Amino acid sequence: MTTIKNFLNDEQGQDLIEYTLLMAFVALAAAALFLGAGGSISGIWGTTNTQLASANTAAS
């Protein structure tokens, strides 16, 4: 009976599980943020590329 009580009261691995869940949440939030910002970044690079190509043509 004492062994079962000791097992139920043992909280040695609890911190590891909490930190793992926290890291998983941060990773999912970051992935969602990057996916949402992907279209905006693509638009910015496209506009920049167009302007640089125009400047290169004008300079030639």
C-alpha atoms as a PDB file:
ATOM      1  CA  MET A   1       0.000   0.000   0.000  1.00  0.00           C
ATOM      2  CA  THR A   2       2.849   2.387   0.807  1.00  0.00           C
ATOM      3  CA  THR A   3       4.381   1.785  -2.631  1.00  0.00           C
ATOM      4  CA  ILE A   4       1.145   2.791  -4.360  1.00  0.00           C
ATOM      5  CA  LYS A   5       0.861   5.963  -2.249  1.00  0.00           C
ATOM      6  CA  ASN A   6       4.465   6.879  -3.032  1.00  0.00           C
ATOM      7  CA  PHE A   7       3.858   6.312  -6.745  1.00  0.00           C
ATOM      8  CA  LEU A   8       0.748   8.515  -6.784  1.00  0.00           C
ATOM      9  CA  ASN A   9       2.484  11.308  -4.851  1.00  0.00           C
ATOM     10  CA  ASP A  10       5.625  11.259  -7.021  1.00  0.00           C
ATOM     11  CA  GLU A  11       5.734  14.439  -9.160  1.00  0.00           C
ATOM     12  CA  GLN A  12       9.251  14.037 -10.496  1.00  0.00           C
ATOM     13  CA  GLY A  13       8.350  13.979 -14.232  1.00  0.00           C
ATOM     14  CA  GLN A  14       5.626  16.621 -14.077  1.00  0.00           C
ATOM     15  CA  ASP A  15       7.907  19.546 -14.991  1.00  0.00           C
ATOM     16  CA  LEU A  16       9.155  17.773 -18.106  1.00  0.00           C
ATOM     17  CA  ILE A  17       5.610  17.222 -19.366  1.00  0.00           C
ATOM     18  CA  GLU A  18       4.627  20.833 -18.675  1.00  0.00           C
ATOM     19  CA  TYR A  19       7.653  22.237 -20.502  1.00  0.00           C
ATOM     20  CA  THR A  20       7.067  19.872 -23.431  1.00  0.00           C
ATOM     21  CA  LEU A  21       3.459  21.016 -23.754  1.00  0.00           C
ATOM     22  CA  LEU A  22       4.558  24.653 -23.552  1.00  0.00           C
ATOM     23  CA  MET A  23       7.156  24.143 -26.287  1.00  0.00           C
ATOM     24  CA  ALA A  24       4.584  22.396 -28.481  1.00  0.00           C
ATOM     25  CA  PHE A  25       2.169  25.312 -28.060  1.00  0.00           C
ATOM     26  CA  VAL A  26       4.868  27.851 -28.942  1.00  0.00           C
ATOM     27  CA  ALA A  27       5.872  25.825 -32.007  1.00  0.00           C
ATOM     28  CA  LEU A  28       2.276  25.612 -33.239  1.00  0.00           C
ATOM     29  CA  ALA A  29       1.708  29.321 -32.677  1.00  0.00           C
ATOM     30  CA  ALA A  30       4.913  30.195 -34.555  1.00  0.00           C
ATOM     31  CA  ALA A  31       3.979  27.911 -37.449  1.00  0.00           C
ATOM     32  CA  ALA A  32       0.548  29.493 -37.720  1.00  0.00           C
ATOM     33  CA  LEU A  33       2.124  32.956 -37.688  1.00  0.00           C
ATOM     34  CA  PHE A  34       4.613  32.075 -40.432  1.00  0.00           C
ATOM     35  CA  LEU A  35       1.914  30.524 -42.610  1.00  0.00           C
ATOM     36  CA  GLY A  36      -0.258  33.607 -42.232  1.00  0.00           C
ATOM     37  CA  ALA A  37       2.601  35.980 -43.047  1.00  0.00           C
ATOM     38  CA  GLY A  38       3.819  33.971 -46.041  1.00  0.00           C
ATOM     39  CA  GLY A  39       1.534  35.710 -48.527  1.00  0.00           C
ATOM     40  CA  SER A  40       2.529  39.171 -47.324  1.00  0.00           C
ATOM     41  CA  ILE A  41       6.228  38.410 -47.538  1.00  0.00           C
ATOM     42  CA  SER A  42       5.784  36.952 -51.010  1.00  0.00           C
ATOM     43  CA  GLY A  43       4.018  40.137 -52.122  1.00  0.00           C
ATOM     44  CA  ILE A  44       6.775  42.331 -50.699  1.00  0.00           C
ATOM     45  CA  TRP A  45       9.501  40.351 -52.474  1.00  0.00           C
ATOM     46  CA  GLY A  46       7.532  40.402 -55.731  1.00  0.00           C
ATOM     47  CA  THR A  47       7.125  44.184 -55.606  1.00  0.00           C
ATOM     48  CA  THR A  48      10.798  44.661 -54.755  1.00  0.00           C
ATOM     49  CA  ASN A  49      11.859  42.400 -57.608  1.00  0.00           C
ATOM     50  CA  THR A  50       9.683  44.331 -60.064  1.00  0.00           C
ATOM     51  CA  GLN A  51      11.092  47.672 -58.934  1.00  0.00           C
ATOM     52  CA  LEU A  52      14.670  46.415 -59.159  1.00  0.00           C
ATOM     53  CA  ALA A  53      14.077  45.038 -62.640  1.00  0.00           C
ATOM     54  CA  SER A  54      12.586  48.395 -63.707  1.00  0.00           C
ATOM     55  CA  ALA A  55      15.543  50.280 -62.236  1.00  0.00           C
ATOM     56  CA  ASN A  56      17.970  47.932 -63.999  1.00  0.00           C
ATOM     57  CA  THR A  57      16.208  48.477 -67.325  1.00  0.00           C
ATOM     58  CA  ALA A  58      16.167  52.241 -66.849  1.00  0.00           C
ATOM     59  CA  ALA A  59      19.870  52.304 -65.945  1.00  0.00           C
ATOM     60  CA  SER A  60      20.876  50.328 -69.028  1.00  0.00           C
END
